[in-house]
Structure formats: structure tokens, C-alpha cells
N, C-alpha and C. Protein backbone atom coordinates (compact mmCIF):
# COMPACT_ATOMS: atom_id res chain seq x y z
N UNK A 1 0.72 -1.17 -0.06
CA UNK A 1 -0.08 0.11 0.09
C UNK A 1 0.82 1.45 -0.04
N UNK A 2 2.03 1.16 0.51
CA UNK A 2 2.91 2.33 0.85
C UNK A 2 3.26 2.84 -0.11
N UNK A 3 3.37 2.29 -1.70
CA UNK A 3 3.85 1.89 -2.57
C UNK A 3 2.89 3.14 -3.40
N UNK A 4 1.50 3.04 -3.05
CA UNK A 4 0.19 3.80 -4.07
C UNK A 4 0.02 5.22 -3.44
N UNK A 5 0.78 5.73 -2.11
CA UNK A 5 0.67 6.81 -1.55
C UNK A 5 1.94 7.84 -1.83
N UNK A 6 1.56 8.69 -1.95
CA UNK A 6 2.71 9.61 -2.12
C UNK A 6 2.52 11.43 -1.35
N UNK A 7 3.21 11.53 -0.75
CA UNK A 7 3.66 12.92 0.39
C UNK A 7 3.99 14.31 -0.37
N UNK A 8 3.39 15.27 -0.35
CA UNK A 8 3.59 16.19 -0.60
C UNK A 8 3.72 17.63 0.05
N UNK A 9 4.71 18.27 -0.09
CA UNK A 9 4.60 19.71 0.75
C UNK A 9 3.70 20.74 -0.04
N UNK A 10 3.02 21.36 0.52
CA UNK A 10 2.28 22.37 0.18
C UNK A 10 2.84 23.66 -0.07
N UNK A 11 2.55 24.62 -0.75
CA UNK A 11 2.99 25.76 -1.37
C UNK A 11 3.13 26.88 -0.13
N UNK A 12 2.08 26.41 0.87
CA UNK A 12 2.22 27.41 2.04
C UNK A 12 2.86 27.21 3.41
N UNK A 13 3.71 25.95 3.08
CA UNK A 13 4.79 25.65 4.12
C UNK A 13 5.61 26.87 5.09
N UNK A 14 5.40 28.17 4.57
CA UNK A 14 5.84 29.29 4.92
C UNK A 14 5.29 30.14 5.61
N UNK A 15 3.62 29.37 5.55
CA UNK A 15 2.90 30.17 6.90
C UNK A 15 2.27 30.96 6.01
N UNK A 16 2.27 31.65 4.83
CA UNK A 16 1.14 32.80 3.98
C UNK A 16 0.62 31.85 2.93
N UNK A 17 -0.45 32.43 2.74
CA UNK A 17 -1.13 32.00 1.87
C UNK A 17 -1.10 33.10 0.74
N UNK A 18 -1.21 33.08 -0.34
CA UNK A 18 -1.28 34.28 -1.64
C UNK A 18 -2.09 35.42 -1.17
N UNK A 19 -2.20 36.68 -1.19
CA UNK A 19 -2.63 37.83 -0.61
C UNK A 19 -4.47 38.06 -1.28
N UNK A 20 -4.26 37.32 -2.67
CA UNK A 20 -5.50 36.91 -3.28
C UNK A 20 -6.61 36.11 -2.56
N UNK A 21 -6.11 35.04 -1.81
CA UNK A 21 -6.47 34.31 -1.27
C UNK A 21 -7.14 34.88 -0.06
N UNK A 22 -6.36 35.70 0.66
CA UNK A 22 -6.63 36.23 1.89
C UNK A 22 -7.63 37.24 1.99
N UNK A 23 -7.55 37.91 0.66
CA UNK A 23 -8.72 38.90 0.70
C UNK A 23 -9.96 38.48 0.45
N UNK A 24 -9.88 36.76 -0.48
CA UNK A 24 -11.34 36.44 -0.19
C UNK A 24 -11.82 36.05 1.24
N UNK A 25 -10.97 35.95 2.08
CA UNK A 25 -11.52 35.40 3.40
C UNK A 25 -12.56 36.65 4.16
N UNK A 26 -11.99 38.24 3.53
CA UNK A 26 -12.62 39.16 4.21
C UNK A 26 -14.05 39.22 3.45
N UNK A 27 -14.10 38.66 2.70
CA UNK A 27 -15.22 39.32 1.44
C UNK A 27 -16.44 37.78 1.79
N UNK A 28 -17.78 37.77 2.34
CA UNK A 28 -18.22 36.70 2.37
C UNK A 28 -20.12 36.85 1.13
N UNK A 29 -19.55 37.65 0.47
CA UNK A 29 -20.86 37.86 -0.54
C UNK A 29 -20.57 37.63 -1.93
N UNK A 30 -21.13 37.65 -2.88
CA UNK A 30 -20.82 37.99 -4.12
C UNK A 30 -19.85 36.42 -5.15
N UNK A 31 -19.60 36.57 -5.88
CA UNK A 31 -19.28 35.37 -6.52
C UNK A 31 -17.66 35.24 -6.46
N UNK A 32 -16.71 34.32 -6.71
CA UNK A 32 -15.31 34.26 -6.47
C UNK A 32 -14.47 35.33 -7.39
N UNK A 33 -14.91 36.02 -8.17
CA UNK A 33 -14.35 36.58 -9.18
C UNK A 33 -14.45 38.38 -8.39
N UNK A 34 -15.50 38.19 -7.53
CA UNK A 34 -15.91 39.41 -6.70
C UNK A 34 -14.93 39.36 -5.79
N UNK A 35 -14.54 38.18 -5.17
CA UNK A 35 -13.83 38.23 -3.74
C UNK A 35 -12.07 38.42 -4.10
N UNK A 36 -11.57 39.14 -4.52
CA UNK A 36 -10.58 39.20 -4.95
C UNK A 36 -9.86 38.45 -5.87
N UNK A 37 -10.62 37.54 -6.52
CA UNK A 37 -10.11 36.80 -7.67
C UNK A 37 -9.48 35.40 -7.02
N UNK A 38 -9.68 34.60 -5.73
CA UNK A 38 -9.12 33.66 -5.45
C UNK A 38 -9.43 32.64 -6.80
N UNK A 39 -9.92 32.51 -7.62
CA UNK A 39 -9.84 31.39 -8.30
C UNK A 39 -8.68 31.35 -8.89
N UNK A 40 -7.95 32.83 -9.23
CA UNK A 40 -6.60 32.58 -10.52
C UNK A 40 -5.35 32.65 -9.17
N UNK A 41 -5.83 32.97 -8.24
CA UNK A 41 -4.38 32.61 -7.14
C UNK A 41 -4.20 31.42 -6.76
N UNK A 42 -3.09 30.59 -6.81
CA UNK A 42 -2.39 29.30 -6.80
C UNK A 42 -2.52 29.33 -5.03
N UNK A 43 -3.14 28.33 -4.64
CA UNK A 43 -3.35 27.74 -3.44
C UNK A 43 -2.43 27.16 -2.95
N UNK A 44 -2.48 26.02 -1.72
CA UNK A 44 -1.69 25.04 -1.52
C UNK A 44 -1.70 24.01 -2.36
N UNK A 45 -2.47 23.65 -3.36
CA UNK A 45 -2.30 22.43 -4.00
C UNK A 45 -1.72 22.58 -5.37
N UNK A 46 -2.04 23.88 -6.05
CA UNK A 46 -1.94 24.04 -7.63
C UNK A 46 -0.14 23.58 -7.61
N UNK A 47 0.78 24.08 -6.48
CA UNK A 47 2.25 24.09 -7.12
C UNK A 47 2.69 22.71 -7.02
N UNK A 48 2.02 21.88 -5.95
CA UNK A 48 2.34 20.63 -5.88
C UNK A 48 1.74 19.86 -7.00
N UNK A 49 1.13 20.11 -7.54
CA UNK A 49 0.44 19.19 -8.94
C UNK A 49 0.83 20.02 -10.40
N UNK A 50 2.30 20.57 -10.69
CA UNK A 50 2.80 21.04 -11.38
C UNK A 50 2.18 20.14 -12.76
N UNK A 51 2.38 18.61 -12.47
CA UNK A 51 2.53 18.15 -13.77
C UNK A 51 1.15 17.69 -14.46
N UNK A 52 0.89 18.47 -15.16
CA UNK A 52 -0.50 18.53 -15.78
C UNK A 52 -1.16 17.14 -16.16
N UNK A 53 -0.27 16.10 -16.40
CA UNK A 53 -0.38 14.55 -16.93
C UNK A 53 -1.13 13.75 -15.27
N UNK A 54 -0.82 14.45 -14.30
CA UNK A 54 -1.31 13.52 -13.08
C UNK A 54 -2.76 13.81 -12.62
N UNK A 55 -2.82 12.59 -12.18
CA UNK A 55 -4.07 12.66 -11.34
C UNK A 55 -4.43 11.50 -10.29
N UNK A 56 -5.23 11.97 -9.42
CA UNK A 56 -5.18 11.14 -7.90
C UNK A 56 -6.36 11.19 -7.47
N UNK A 57 -6.81 9.95 -6.81
CA UNK A 57 -8.04 9.46 -6.65
C UNK A 57 -8.35 10.53 -5.11
N UNK A 58 -7.33 10.48 -4.36
CA UNK A 58 -7.95 11.83 -3.38
C UNK A 58 -6.55 12.61 -2.91
N UNK A 59 -7.13 13.31 -2.21
CA UNK A 59 -6.08 14.32 -1.66
C UNK A 59 -6.75 14.59 0.01
N UNK A 60 -6.00 14.26 0.57
CA UNK A 60 -5.88 13.83 2.32
C UNK A 60 -4.88 15.35 3.14
N UNK A 61 -5.20 16.15 3.53
CA UNK A 61 -4.71 17.31 4.37
C UNK A 61 -5.00 17.47 5.78
N UNK A 62 -3.80 17.86 6.41
CA UNK A 62 -4.28 17.95 7.91
C UNK A 62 -3.30 19.47 7.72
N UNK A 63 -4.60 20.57 8.14
CA UNK A 63 -3.85 21.72 7.41
C UNK A 63 -3.38 22.36 8.50
N UNK A 64 -2.64 23.22 8.90
CA UNK A 64 -2.22 24.35 9.79
C UNK A 64 -3.50 24.79 10.79
N UNK A 65 -3.91 24.41 11.94
CA UNK A 65 -4.66 25.07 12.30
C UNK A 65 -5.41 26.54 12.80
N UNK A 66 -4.03 27.14 13.28
CA UNK A 66 -4.00 28.09 13.98
C UNK A 66 -3.39 29.13 12.87
N UNK A 67 -3.90 30.55 13.25
CA UNK A 67 -3.36 31.85 12.50
C UNK A 67 -2.15 32.56 13.10
N UNK A 68 -1.93 31.95 14.45
CA UNK A 68 -0.69 32.48 14.99
C UNK A 68 -0.16 31.44 16.29
N UNK A 69 1.06 31.35 16.27
CA UNK A 69 2.05 30.68 17.32
C UNK A 69 1.28 30.75 18.71
N UNK A 70 0.80 32.33 18.70
CA UNK A 70 0.57 32.41 20.42
C UNK A 70 -1.22 31.80 20.08
N UNK A 71 -1.73 31.71 19.28
CA UNK A 71 -3.19 31.18 19.32
C UNK A 71 -2.84 29.59 19.52
N UNK A 72 -2.20 29.12 19.09
CA UNK A 72 -1.85 28.07 19.29
C UNK A 72 -1.46 27.35 20.99
N UNK A 73 -0.84 28.83 21.36
CA UNK A 73 -0.63 28.34 22.81
C UNK A 73 -1.69 28.79 23.61
N UNK A 74 -2.70 29.00 23.14
CA UNK A 74 -3.85 29.40 23.84
C UNK A 74 -4.47 28.68 25.01
N UNK A 75 -4.58 27.27 24.06
CA UNK A 75 -5.15 26.05 25.09
C UNK A 75 -4.31 25.05 25.73
N UNK A 76 -3.93 25.46 26.95
CA UNK A 76 -3.00 24.35 27.50
C UNK A 76 -3.27 22.52 27.44
N UNK A 77 -4.69 22.41 27.26
CA UNK A 77 -4.97 21.16 26.54
C UNK A 77 -4.72 20.56 25.15
N UNK A 78 -4.55 21.36 24.68
CA UNK A 78 -4.19 21.13 23.33
C UNK A 78 -2.83 20.59 22.97
N UNK A 79 -2.65 19.33 22.34
CA UNK A 79 -1.00 18.58 22.51
C UNK A 79 -0.57 19.34 21.31
N UNK A 80 0.33 20.70 21.16
CA UNK A 80 0.94 21.08 19.98
C UNK A 80 2.09 20.87 19.77
N UNK A 81 2.45 19.67 19.15
CA UNK A 81 3.95 19.11 18.91
C UNK A 81 4.56 19.72 17.71
N UNK A 82 4.34 20.23 16.91
CA UNK A 82 4.39 20.70 15.79
C UNK A 82 5.26 22.16 15.61
N UNK A 83 6.18 22.14 14.45
CA UNK A 83 6.70 23.56 14.55
C UNK A 83 5.57 24.67 14.09
N UNK A 84 6.21 25.61 14.17
CA UNK A 84 5.06 26.80 13.89
C UNK A 84 4.96 26.32 12.15
N UNK A 85 5.83 26.09 11.51
CA UNK A 85 5.63 26.25 10.11
C UNK A 85 4.71 25.23 9.97
N UNK A 86 4.83 24.06 10.81
CA UNK A 86 2.86 23.04 10.63
C UNK A 86 2.18 23.67 10.97
N UNK A 87 2.34 24.06 12.16
CA UNK A 87 0.88 24.75 12.85
C UNK A 87 0.35 25.99 12.45
N UNK A 88 0.91 26.96 11.97
CA UNK A 88 0.53 27.91 11.61
C UNK A 88 0.05 28.43 10.25
N UNK A 89 -0.61 28.99 9.81
CA UNK A 89 -0.76 29.82 8.08
C UNK A 89 -1.55 30.99 8.39
N UNK A 90 -1.42 31.94 7.91
CA UNK A 90 -1.91 33.24 7.86
C UNK A 90 -3.31 32.83 7.75
N UNK A 91 -4.26 33.52 8.73
CA UNK A 91 -5.76 32.69 8.40
C UNK A 91 -6.34 31.74 9.18
N UNK A 92 -5.49 30.98 9.67
CA UNK A 92 -5.59 29.86 9.97
C UNK A 92 -6.09 28.45 9.47
N UNK A 93 -7.02 27.47 9.99
CA UNK A 93 -7.35 26.50 8.87
C UNK A 93 -8.70 27.24 7.96
N UNK A 94 -9.42 27.95 8.37
CA UNK A 94 -10.55 28.26 7.44
C UNK A 94 -10.00 28.71 6.06
N UNK A 95 -8.68 29.77 6.11
CA UNK A 95 -7.90 30.17 5.47
C UNK A 95 -7.57 28.97 4.41
N UNK A 96 -6.64 28.31 4.88
CA UNK A 96 -6.17 27.20 4.18
C UNK A 96 -7.07 26.45 3.52
N UNK A 97 -8.16 25.52 3.98
CA UNK A 97 -9.25 25.04 3.62
C UNK A 97 -9.81 25.55 2.58
N UNK A 98 -10.43 26.91 2.67
CA UNK A 98 -10.91 27.81 1.53
C UNK A 98 -9.94 27.39 0.44
N UNK A 99 -8.42 27.96 0.56
CA UNK A 99 -7.60 27.96 -0.37
C UNK A 99 -7.72 26.24 -1.42
N UNK A 100 -8.03 25.69 -0.41
CA UNK A 100 -7.89 23.95 -1.04
C UNK A 100 -9.24 23.92 -1.72
N UNK A 101 -10.09 24.79 -1.25
CA UNK A 101 -11.56 24.62 -2.23
C UNK A 101 -11.47 25.43 -3.93
N UNK A 102 -10.69 26.93 -3.39
CA UNK A 102 -10.22 27.55 -4.65
C UNK A 102 -9.32 26.96 -5.92
N UNK A 103 -8.44 26.04 -5.09
CA UNK A 103 -7.74 25.14 -5.83
C UNK A 103 -8.40 23.48 -6.51
N UNK A 104 -9.62 23.49 -5.64
CA UNK A 104 -10.27 22.04 -6.40
C UNK A 104 -11.26 22.46 -7.40
N UNK A 105 -11.29 23.75 -7.48
CA UNK A 105 -12.18 24.33 -9.28
C UNK A 105 -11.14 23.96 -9.89
N UNK A 106 -9.95 24.69 -9.79
CA UNK A 106 -8.87 24.09 -11.33
C UNK A 106 -8.42 22.71 -11.39
N UNK A 107 -8.33 22.18 -10.10
CA UNK A 107 -8.28 20.76 -10.10
C UNK A 107 -8.86 19.70 -10.09
N UNK A 108 -10.40 20.24 -10.78
CA UNK A 108 -11.62 18.98 -10.52
C UNK A 108 -11.41 18.03 -11.37
N UNK A 109 -10.79 17.84 -12.35
CA UNK A 109 -10.90 16.41 -13.13
C UNK A 109 -9.49 15.84 -12.94
N UNK A 110 -8.55 16.76 -11.66
CA UNK A 110 -7.46 15.73 -11.79
C UNK A 110 -7.80 14.52 -9.85
N UNK A 111 -8.07 15.63 -9.41
CA UNK A 111 -8.41 14.89 -8.00
C UNK A 111 -9.97 14.41 -7.59
N UNK A 112 -10.44 13.28 -7.86
CA UNK A 112 -11.25 12.85 -7.16
C UNK A 112 -12.06 13.11 -5.85
N UNK A 113 -11.64 13.30 -4.83
CA UNK A 113 -11.96 13.52 -3.88
C UNK A 113 -10.89 14.28 -2.94
N UNK A 114 -11.27 15.26 -2.15
CA UNK A 114 -10.61 15.99 -1.04
C UNK A 114 -11.20 15.80 0.38
N UNK A 115 -9.93 15.65 1.24
CA UNK A 115 -10.32 15.51 2.60
C UNK A 115 -9.51 16.46 3.46
N UNK A 116 -9.86 17.24 4.53
CA UNK A 116 -9.25 17.75 5.16
C UNK A 116 -9.49 17.63 6.88
N UNK A 117 -8.70 17.81 7.78
CA UNK A 117 -9.26 17.46 9.31
C UNK A 117 -9.40 19.07 9.25
N UNK A 118 -10.40 19.32 10.21
CA UNK A 118 -10.57 20.93 10.80
C UNK A 118 -10.55 20.47 12.53
N UNK A 119 -10.05 21.45 13.03
CA UNK A 119 -9.94 21.42 14.62
C UNK A 119 -10.88 22.21 15.02
N UNK A 120 -11.68 23.08 14.23
CA UNK A 120 -12.67 23.81 14.94
C UNK A 120 -13.98 23.91 14.57
N UNK A 121 -14.89 23.33 15.37
CA UNK A 121 -16.55 23.30 14.68
C UNK A 121 -16.92 24.30 13.88
N UNK A 122 -16.27 25.55 14.58
CA UNK A 122 -16.86 26.79 13.74
C UNK A 122 -16.75 26.75 12.01
N UNK A 123 -15.25 26.33 11.90
CA UNK A 123 -14.56 26.18 10.84
C UNK A 123 -15.84 25.24 10.09
N UNK A 124 -15.72 24.48 10.52
CA UNK A 124 -16.86 23.22 9.67
C UNK A 124 -18.11 23.93 9.36
N UNK A 125 -18.77 24.52 10.17
CA UNK A 125 -20.13 25.10 9.73
C UNK A 125 -19.72 25.79 8.73
N UNK A 126 -18.49 26.73 8.80
CA UNK A 126 -18.53 27.91 7.74
C UNK A 126 -18.21 26.88 6.26
N UNK A 127 -17.43 25.82 6.56
CA UNK A 127 -17.17 25.29 5.07
C UNK A 127 -18.02 24.22 4.66
N UNK A 128 -19.11 23.91 5.44
CA UNK A 128 -20.20 23.06 4.82
C UNK A 128 -21.04 24.30 3.94
N UNK A 129 -21.34 24.83 4.69
CA UNK A 129 -22.38 26.43 3.91
C UNK A 129 -21.52 26.66 2.74
N UNK A 130 -20.27 26.83 2.55
CA UNK A 130 -19.57 27.06 1.42
C UNK A 130 -19.53 26.34 0.20
N UNK A 131 -19.35 24.98 0.93
CA UNK A 131 -19.33 23.60 0.16
C UNK A 131 -20.77 23.61 -0.97
N UNK A 132 -22.02 23.93 0.12
CA UNK A 132 -23.29 23.83 -0.32
C UNK A 132 -23.57 25.09 -1.51
N UNK A 133 -22.96 25.90 -1.44
CA UNK A 133 -23.78 27.26 -2.05
C UNK A 133 -22.61 27.65 -3.13
N UNK A 134 -21.76 26.51 -3.05
CA UNK A 134 -20.65 26.49 -4.55
C UNK A 134 -21.05 25.07 -5.06
N UNK A 135 -22.25 24.48 -4.70
CA UNK A 135 -22.36 23.61 -5.62
C UNK A 135 -21.48 22.05 -5.10
N UNK A 136 -20.97 21.94 -4.43
CA UNK A 136 -20.29 20.77 -3.95
C UNK A 136 -21.21 19.52 -4.33
N UNK A 137 -20.67 18.62 -4.68
CA UNK A 137 -21.56 17.00 -5.06
C UNK A 137 -21.82 16.58 -4.00
N UNK A 138 -20.66 16.76 -3.08
CA UNK A 138 -20.80 15.41 -1.62
C UNK A 138 -20.14 15.84 -0.56
N UNK A 139 -20.70 16.36 0.28
CA UNK A 139 -19.86 16.60 1.60
C UNK A 139 -20.10 16.00 2.92
N UNK A 140 -19.32 15.08 3.60
CA UNK A 140 -19.56 14.53 4.69
C UNK A 140 -18.66 15.00 5.65
N UNK A 141 -19.01 14.75 7.20
CA UNK A 141 -18.06 15.06 8.14
C UNK A 141 -18.23 14.09 8.89
N UNK A 142 -16.97 14.37 10.10
CA UNK A 142 -17.16 13.22 11.20
C UNK A 142 -16.40 13.88 12.36
N UNK A 143 -17.17 13.95 13.59
CA UNK A 143 -16.89 14.00 14.75
C UNK A 143 -15.83 12.77 15.49
N UNK A 144 -14.62 13.44 15.92
CA UNK A 144 -13.91 12.44 17.11
C UNK A 144 -13.62 12.94 17.95
């Protein structure tokens, strides 16, 4: 099974998403082009999918959950054993998964299924609404 899996580094490993995608986070009305052109910005997946001939059955992600290292350190009950680069991205997990959704519009014929972990119920609620509004064909979730 290991031969069938491939791990790739996200473009957002520096802790920042492209500015167009962050502008998208600040506007919750209108279509994609009215929200800062998020559809044309390269998010966390596009750089990892540079070979146009590649296709995958699924993309599984454990995104950076926090918008800052101080946010990561606020909850003493959270086991934060990762580095800042692994745990933090500007805009937090909501911005990161939104960027994945924007990338999925470009990669829709090359990746069949997308999966991402979310650490906050509020994030999941927002993303479920956005996926439904965007015409997502199937969305499931599990609380554990």
C-alpha cells in the first residue's frame, strides 16, 4: 500500500497564503471573481500538482490549524507538538481549507476526492455552508 501513497509539501509551508486568497477571506458575498480573484491565485495544491498529466483518487490534508503561534499556545489542553511552520498559516485552518476549495475548482478533473481535518467546529460549519453554496456534489463530516 505504501507504494500507492505520495506525500507532497504544500506551497503554504512558509505560513502564508497568496494575498488574493486572504482577500477572499474578508468578503463573504458575491461570486469568486468579486472576492479578490481567488480562483486565479495559486493555493496550497496547485504548486504540488505542476505536472498536468498527473491525477489522483484523493487528496488528504491535515492543515495548519492556527493563525498565529500565540493562538496555538492559548489552550493548555491542546497537544501542539509541531513546529510553527506545521501549525500556523495566516488566516488559520479556515483560510487554508478555503484555499484548497479554490484550488479544487482548477484541479477538479485531476483529483476525485478532497479530505481535510478541521480542529474547530466553527470552521466546519462555515465550510459546509460554502461547499453547499458552491455546488459541491458531496460533503461528509465526522466528529471524533
